[in-house]
Amino acid sequence: MPHSGGGGSHGGGHHGGSHHSSSRGSSAPRISSTYFPGARRYVYYRNRQAYTYYAKTPFNTKEARAVGISLLIMGLFWTGMVVLMLFGFFKVSKGSLPLDYDHEIVIDDEIGMIYDRNRLETELKSFQEKTGVTVAIVTRRPENAEFGYNVETQAYNCYVSRWRDESHWLIYYVGTTPTRNDDWEWNLMCGDDCTRVLSAAQEEVFTKNFHRSLVASNHFLFEQCVIGAMNSLKPQTGKRLILSDGVNVNGRPAGGEPAGIGMILFFALFLFIGIGLTIGGICIMCKKPTEEEIAKSNAIEIPTDTQPQQAICSYCGGAYYMGTVLSCPHCAAPVEIGNSHSTYDPNEYKL
């Protein structure tokens, strides 16, 4: 549906338009070389050495894979949400509007405001060829004005009664004399598709300049007001990234305006975070466990309130803790009872 691009009156000045809980992510189990509340002590054997670590549960290579799956799911969800937001906030302008609608130039001047009609038609046609937007002009005396309690409603009703497209700009003017010394009013009604080429900011530029010229009735003819205001516009007719309809910036509608670098970088940052989480999850899932991680996953619990002794295997010289194995964890030789060649030092074999 068309929207107001602004308007004004002889005594009232011009005005602008009226456009229609937290959660924790998964993480790997905590492993420490020193005791922490609730931790248990574990020992594992590798390269003929005995190592201890503290954790609430023994290290498990499957848990690392679970972390990878969690990161992958989070990354895919994050990336999907950002992509949906991108489609909601941005769209690609396809240049000027296609003239696949009723684009006949309409100048319905009941009051007789226009002096040089041919020049005005030429300028409107040139603007149409450049932008694809068809600017129409309708002037009415109060007794013949369109139905509506104010000039904006009248302009809206005039638009929808004449066209079914969203590619027109309608300059709707209500007054009594061509000299503009009466209590005249006007409104600009804009089809929503026009914002692809003429943003809300451009609507404001036109409204401001057109109204300023209208007030200076001794210096500008009506058609000069229209042409001058059109010439002050900077249509965006190239292919580019623009803000979607319904997007607001600084409290005002910004649909059709070029996307700012700051906003693009903001979305790009969040998109890269999602991609990074996804790639990180895939890498963790595909990563094969190291020998040390496999050894950690085969760890044996040692009660934290005990001080086990360390022994040395007579066959291979590997270290182990007495009472934790029935055979040497390094060479599988039988454990010799009482074969304790060294005393356990809790600070010697920690991670």
Protein backbone atom coordinates (compact mmCIF):
# COMPACT_ATOMS: atom_id res chain seq x y z
CA MET A 1 0.00 0.00 0.00
CA PRO A 2 1.25 3.54 -0.71
CA HIS A 3 2.57 5.67 2.12
CA SER A 4 2.85 9.39 2.73
CA GLY A 5 6.16 10.97 1.85
CA GLY A 6 5.26 14.19 3.63
CA GLY A 7 3.41 17.36 2.83
CA GLY A 8 2.48 20.78 4.13
CA SER A 9 0.20 23.78 4.04
CA HIS A 10 0.45 27.49 3.37
CA GLY A 11 0.47 28.49 7.03
CA GLY A 12 1.63 25.35 8.77
CA GLY A 13 4.97 24.53 7.12
CA HIS A 14 5.99 21.13 5.82
CA HIS A 15 6.09 17.78 7.63
CA GLY A 16 7.65 14.38 7.08
CA GLY A 17 5.99 11.18 5.93
CA SER A 18 4.28 8.47 7.96
CA HIS A 19 5.50 5.03 6.98
CA HIS A 20 3.26 2.69 7.59
CA SER A 21 16.93 -16.00 29.56
CA SER A 22 20.63 -17.01 29.38
CA SER A 23 22.06 -20.56 29.08
CA ARG A 24 25.46 -22.21 29.42
CA GLY A 25 27.05 -23.98 26.55
CA SER A 26 28.66 -27.39 26.73
CA SER A 27 32.30 -27.53 27.72
CA ALA A 28 34.93 -30.19 28.19
CA PRO A 29 35.24 -31.74 31.68
CA ARG A 30 37.65 -29.88 33.95
CA ILE A 31 41.03 -31.54 34.42
CA SER A 32 43.64 -30.16 36.79
CA SER A 33 47.05 -31.09 38.11
CA THR A 34 45.99 -29.93 41.58
CA TYR A 35 43.03 -30.78 43.77
CA PHE A 36 39.81 -28.74 43.58
CA PRO A 37 36.53 -29.25 45.53
CA GLY A 38 34.66 -32.34 44.40
CA ALA A 39 37.56 -33.67 42.33
CA ARG A 40 38.82 -37.26 42.29
CA ARG A 41 42.38 -38.40 41.66
CA TYR A 42 43.21 -40.58 38.68
CA VAL A 43 46.41 -42.20 37.46
CA TYR A 44 47.30 -43.24 33.93
CA TYR A 45 50.39 -44.87 32.47
CA ARG A 46 52.32 -43.91 29.38
CA ASN A 47 55.92 -44.21 28.18
CA ARG A 48 56.87 -46.16 31.35
CA GLN A 49 55.75 -43.26 33.51
CA ALA A 50 52.82 -42.80 35.90
CA TYR A 51 50.86 -39.56 35.74
CA THR A 52 48.05 -38.27 37.96
CA TYR A 53 45.33 -35.73 37.38
CA TYR A 54 42.26 -34.48 39.21
CA ALA A 55 38.77 -34.40 37.71
CA LYS A 56 35.19 -35.03 38.74
CA THR A 57 34.96 -37.78 36.14
CA PRO A 58 37.74 -39.57 34.26
CA PHE A 59 38.73 -38.14 30.89
CA ASN A 60 36.68 -39.66 28.07
CA THR A 61 37.46 -39.21 24.37
CA LYS A 62 33.73 -39.54 23.61
CA GLU A 63 33.03 -36.46 25.70
CA ALA A 64 35.34 -34.44 23.47
CA ARG A 65 33.30 -35.62 20.48
CA ALA A 66 30.12 -34.58 22.30
CA VAL A 67 31.59 -31.12 22.73
CA GLY A 68 32.28 -31.02 18.99
CA ILE A 69 28.70 -32.00 18.22
CA SER A 70 27.43 -29.28 20.56
CA LEU A 71 29.61 -26.66 18.89
CA LEU A 72 28.47 -27.83 15.45
CA ILE A 73 24.79 -27.57 16.39
CA MET A 74 25.33 -24.18 18.00
CA GLY A 75 27.28 -22.93 14.99
CA LEU A 76 24.65 -24.10 12.48
CA PHE A 77 21.85 -22.56 14.54
CA TRP A 78 23.77 -19.29 14.97
CA THR A 79 24.64 -19.10 11.28
CA GLY A 80 21.07 -19.90 10.25
CA MET A 81 19.67 -17.16 12.48
CA VAL A 82 22.12 -14.58 11.13
CA VAL A 83 21.30 -15.56 7.53
CA LEU A 84 17.56 -15.17 8.22
CA MET A 85 18.21 -11.77 9.78
CA LEU A 86 20.26 -10.77 6.73
CA PHE A 87 17.32 -11.59 4.46
CA GLY A 88 15.06 -9.61 6.79
CA PHE A 89 17.27 -6.52 6.96
CA PHE A 90 18.74 -6.32 3.46
CA LYS A 91 17.75 -6.81 -0.12
CA VAL A 92 19.46 -6.20 -3.46
CA SER A 93 18.23 -3.27 -5.47
CA LYS A 94 17.68 -4.19 -9.11
CA GLY A 95 18.19 -0.67 -10.41
CA SER A 96 15.38 1.46 -11.77
CA LEU A 97 11.81 0.17 -11.51
CA PRO A 98 10.54 -1.79 -14.51
CA LEU A 99 7.87 0.03 -16.49
CA ASP A 100 5.54 -2.99 -16.43
CA TYR A 101 2.61 -1.04 -15.01
CA ASP A 102 0.28 1.75 -16.13
CA HIS A 103 2.97 4.42 -16.41
CA GLU A 104 1.10 7.05 -18.41
CA ILE A 105 2.04 10.54 -17.25
CA VAL A 106 -0.95 12.03 -15.37
CA ILE A 107 -1.33 15.81 -14.88
CA ASP A 108 -4.87 16.47 -13.64
CA ASP A 109 -4.81 20.20 -12.96
CA GLU A 110 -8.31 21.31 -11.96
CA ILE A 111 -7.13 24.59 -10.42
CA GLY A 112 -4.98 25.68 -13.37
CA MET A 113 -1.71 25.76 -11.44
CA ILE A 114 0.51 24.74 -14.35
CA TYR A 115 1.70 27.35 -16.87
CA ASP A 116 4.15 25.36 -19.04
CA ARG A 117 2.59 21.92 -19.31
CA ASN A 118 4.85 20.68 -22.12
CA ARG A 119 8.03 21.39 -20.18
CA LEU A 120 6.63 19.67 -17.09
CA GLU A 121 5.62 16.57 -19.08
CA THR A 122 9.10 16.40 -20.61
CA GLU A 123 10.76 16.56 -17.20
CA LEU A 124 8.40 13.96 -15.73
CA LYS A 125 9.08 11.64 -18.67
CA SER A 126 12.84 12.06 -18.27
CA PHE A 127 12.57 11.31 -14.54
CA GLN A 128 10.47 8.24 -15.31
CA GLU A 129 13.03 6.90 -17.80
CA LYS A 130 15.81 7.40 -15.27
CA THR A 131 14.13 5.91 -12.20
CA GLY A 132 11.11 3.91 -13.35
CA VAL A 133 9.01 6.01 -10.97
CA THR A 134 6.04 7.82 -12.51
CA VAL A 135 5.31 11.18 -10.90
CA ALA A 136 1.68 12.24 -11.19
CA ILE A 137 0.12 15.60 -10.29
CA VAL A 138 -3.46 16.12 -9.20
CA THR A 139 -4.80 19.51 -8.07
CA ARG A 140 -8.30 19.95 -6.62
CA ARG A 141 -10.49 22.71 -5.24
CA PRO A 142 -11.79 21.99 -1.73
CA GLU A 143 -15.33 21.35 -2.94
CA ASN A 144 -14.08 18.69 -5.38
CA ALA A 145 -11.37 17.14 -3.20
CA GLU A 146 -11.16 13.39 -2.77
CA PHE A 147 -12.96 11.84 0.18
CA GLY A 148 -10.98 12.08 3.43
CA TYR A 149 -10.84 14.05 6.66
CA ASN A 150 -7.36 15.46 5.88
CA VAL A 151 -5.22 16.00 2.80
CA GLU A 152 -3.08 12.92 3.49
CA THR A 153 -6.14 10.66 3.50
CA GLN A 154 -7.41 12.38 0.36
CA ALA A 155 -4.09 11.76 -1.36
CA TYR A 156 -4.17 8.11 -0.33
CA ASN A 157 -7.69 7.63 -1.65
CA CYS A 158 -6.76 9.39 -4.87
CA TYR A 159 -3.78 7.07 -5.36
CA VAL A 160 -5.58 3.77 -4.73
CA SER A 161 -8.58 4.80 -6.83
CA ARG A 162 -6.35 5.44 -9.86
CA TRP A 163 -3.56 2.83 -9.68
CA ARG A 164 -3.06 -0.69 -8.38
CA ASP A 165 0.75 -0.57 -8.56
CA GLU A 166 3.32 0.70 -6.04
CA SER A 167 5.46 2.61 -8.55
CA HIS A 168 3.92 6.09 -8.54
CA TRP A 169 4.67 9.31 -6.74
CA LEU A 170 1.47 11.37 -6.47
CA ILE A 171 1.72 15.10 -5.75
CA TYR A 172 -1.78 15.91 -4.47
CA TYR A 173 -2.59 19.62 -4.06
CA VAL A 174 -5.78 21.25 -2.70
CA GLY A 175 -6.31 25.00 -3.11
CA THR A 176 -8.50 27.66 -4.70
CA THR A 177 -6.28 29.96 -6.80
CA PRO A 178 -3.23 29.44 -9.05
CA THR A 179 -1.44 32.33 -7.31
CA ARG A 180 -0.99 30.25 -4.11
CA ASN A 181 -2.03 33.11 -1.80
CA ASP A 182 -4.87 31.04 -0.34
CA ASP A 183 -4.91 28.39 2.40
CA TRP A 184 -3.61 25.57 0.22
CA GLU A 185 -2.46 22.09 1.35
CA TRP A 186 -0.55 19.31 -0.36
CA ASN A 187 0.73 15.79 0.23
CA LEU A 188 3.14 13.41 -1.47
CA MET A 189 1.85 9.84 -1.69
CA CYS A 190 4.50 7.23 -2.60
CA GLY A 191 4.15 3.66 -3.79
CA ASP A 192 6.14 1.26 -1.63
CA ASP A 193 8.20 -0.08 -4.55
CA CYS A 194 9.60 3.39 -5.14
CA THR A 195 11.81 3.12 -2.05
CA ARG A 196 14.08 0.80 -4.06
CA VAL A 197 15.14 3.88 -6.02
CA LEU A 198 14.02 6.80 -3.85
CA SER A 199 14.56 6.14 -0.16
CA ALA A 200 12.66 7.68 2.74
CA ALA A 201 15.48 10.20 3.04
CA GLN A 202 14.95 11.21 -0.60
CA GLU A 203 11.23 11.62 0.06
CA GLU A 204 12.14 14.03 2.83
CA VAL A 205 14.48 15.96 0.53
CA PHE A 206 11.75 16.34 -2.08
CA THR A 207 9.13 17.39 0.48
CA LYS A 208 11.39 20.02 2.00
CA ASN A 209 12.49 21.57 -1.31
CA PHE A 210 9.07 21.41 -2.97
CA HIS A 211 7.34 23.07 -0.02
CA ARG A 212 10.01 25.77 0.23
CA SER A 213 9.42 26.67 -3.42
CA LEU A 214 5.63 26.57 -3.06
CA VAL A 215 5.76 29.11 -0.26
CA ALA A 216 7.87 31.44 -2.44
CA SER A 217 4.93 31.95 -4.80
CA ASN A 218 6.35 35.22 -6.14
CA HIS A 219 9.52 33.53 -7.37
CA PHE A 220 8.53 30.08 -8.66
CA LEU A 221 5.77 28.75 -10.88
CA PHE A 222 4.13 25.54 -9.74
CA GLU A 223 5.88 23.44 -12.39
CA GLN A 224 9.20 25.03 -11.43
CA CYS A 225 8.60 23.89 -7.85
CA VAL A 226 8.05 20.32 -9.08
CA ILE A 227 11.03 20.27 -11.45
CA GLY A 228 13.39 21.91 -8.96
CA ALA A 229 12.48 19.44 -6.21
CA MET A 230 12.92 16.49 -8.58
CA ASN A 231 16.32 17.77 -9.66
CA SER A 232 17.44 17.89 -6.03
CA LEU A 233 16.97 14.12 -5.70
CA LYS A 234 19.71 11.52 -6.00
CA PRO A 235 18.00 8.34 -7.18
CA GLN A 236 19.81 5.06 -6.60
CA THR A 237 19.44 3.17 -9.85
CA GLY A 238 22.46 0.83 -9.73
CA LYS A 239 22.47 -2.68 -8.28
CA ARG A 240 23.40 -2.43 -4.62
CA LEU A 241 22.56 -3.65 -1.13
CA ILE A 242 19.74 -1.67 0.45
CA LEU A 243 17.67 -1.89 3.65
CA SER A 244 14.43 -3.84 3.44
CA ASP A 245 11.01 -2.31 3.95
CA GLY A 246 10.06 -2.03 7.61
CA VAL A 247 13.65 -1.48 8.84
CA ASN A 248 14.06 1.56 11.07
CA VAL A 249 17.26 3.49 11.77
CA ASN A 250 17.47 6.16 14.48
CA GLY A 251 13.74 5.90 15.01
CA ARG A 252 12.66 6.54 11.44
CA PRO A 253 11.79 4.29 8.49
CA ALA A 254 14.87 3.49 6.42
CA GLY A 255 13.52 1.08 3.82
CA GLY A 256 15.23 1.50 0.47
CA GLU A 257 18.24 3.36 1.85
CA PRO A 258 21.73 2.04 1.06
CA ALA A 259 23.04 -0.35 3.70
CA GLY A 260 25.70 1.35 5.84
CA ILE A 261 29.19 -0.11 6.23
CA GLY A 262 28.77 -0.28 10.01
CA MET A 263 25.61 -2.38 9.77
CA ILE A 264 27.16 -4.68 7.16
CA LEU A 265 30.26 -5.24 9.33
CA PHE A 266 28.04 -5.89 12.36
CA PHE A 267 26.21 -8.71 10.60
CA ALA A 268 29.44 -9.99 9.02
CA LEU A 269 31.00 -10.33 12.49
CA PHE A 270 28.12 -12.42 13.78
CA LEU A 271 28.13 -14.49 10.60
CA PHE A 272 31.85 -15.25 11.02
CA ILE A 273 31.25 -16.27 14.65
CA GLY A 274 28.64 -18.79 13.54
CA ILE A 275 30.89 -20.11 10.78
CA GLY A 276 33.79 -20.35 13.25
CA LEU A 277 31.71 -22.36 15.73
CA THR A 278 30.60 -24.68 12.94
CA ILE A 279 34.13 -25.27 11.66
CA GLY A 280 35.43 -25.72 15.22
CA GLY A 281 32.78 -28.34 15.96
CA ILE A 282 33.59 -30.25 12.77
CA CYS A 283 37.32 -30.18 13.56
CA ILE A 284 36.76 -31.53 17.08
CA MET A 285 34.48 -34.28 15.78
CA CYS A 286 36.96 -35.35 13.09
CA LYS A 287 40.05 -35.11 15.29
CA LYS A 288 41.47 -38.49 16.29
CA PRO A 289 42.41 -38.84 19.98
CA THR A 290 46.12 -38.72 20.76
CA GLU A 291 47.98 -41.50 22.58
CA GLU A 292 47.98 -39.41 25.73
CA GLU A 293 44.23 -38.82 25.51
CA ILE A 294 43.66 -42.56 25.06
CA ALA A 295 45.85 -43.19 28.09
CA LYS A 296 43.92 -40.62 30.13
CA SER A 297 40.64 -42.29 29.18
CA ASN A 298 41.98 -45.57 30.68
CA ALA A 299 42.90 -43.90 33.95
CA ILE A 300 42.40 -45.64 37.29
CA GLU A 301 40.99 -43.83 40.30
CA ILE A 302 43.14 -43.42 43.40
CA PRO A 303 41.24 -42.28 46.51
CA THR A 304 42.34 -38.79 47.47
CA ASP A 305 42.63 -39.77 51.13
CA THR A 306 45.35 -42.36 50.46
CA GLN A 307 49.08 -42.11 49.76
CA PRO A 308 49.91 -45.03 47.46
CA GLN A 309 53.49 -46.05 46.93
CA GLN A 310 55.17 -46.03 43.59
CA ALA A 311 56.94 -49.17 42.37
CA ILE A 312 59.32 -49.92 39.51
CA CYS A 313 58.79 -52.94 37.27
CA SER A 314 61.75 -55.35 37.44
CA TYR A 315 61.31 -56.33 33.79
CA CYS A 316 60.90 -53.01 31.93
CA GLY A 317 61.71 -50.37 34.54
CA GLY A 318 58.30 -48.73 34.14
CA ALA A 319 56.70 -46.93 37.07
CA TYR A 320 53.32 -47.79 38.53
CA TYR A 321 51.38 -47.33 41.74
CA MET A 322 51.03 -50.34 43.95
CA GLY A 323 47.46 -51.49 44.41
CA THR A 324 46.24 -50.00 41.13
CA VAL A 325 47.24 -52.85 38.76
CA LEU A 326 47.73 -56.62 38.86
CA SER A 327 50.30 -56.59 36.05
CA CYS A 328 52.73 -54.02 34.79
CA PRO A 329 50.76 -51.47 32.73
CA HIS A 330 53.78 -51.09 30.43
CA CYS A 331 54.94 -54.66 29.67
CA ALA A 332 52.17 -56.79 31.28
CA ALA A 333 54.67 -58.64 33.52
CA PRO A 334 53.30 -59.89 36.84
CA VAL A 335 53.44 -57.35 39.62
CA GLU A 336 55.82 -58.42 42.40
CA ILE A 337 54.26 -57.90 45.77
CA GLY A 338 56.44 -55.68 47.94
CA ASN A 339 58.51 -54.52 44.98
CA SER A 340 58.55 -50.86 45.94
CA HIS A 341 61.72 -49.20 44.79
CA SER A 342 60.59 -45.69 45.47
CA THR A 343 58.12 -43.85 47.60
CA TYR A 344 55.21 -41.97 46.06
CA ASP A 345 55.85 -38.26 45.73
CA PRO A 346 52.57 -36.43 44.94
CA ASN A 347 54.44 -33.59 43.24
CA GLU A 348 56.65 -35.74 41.02
CA TYR A 349 54.23 -37.12 38.43
CA LYS A 350 51.55 -34.50 38.16
CA LEU A 351 50.58 -32.94 34.87
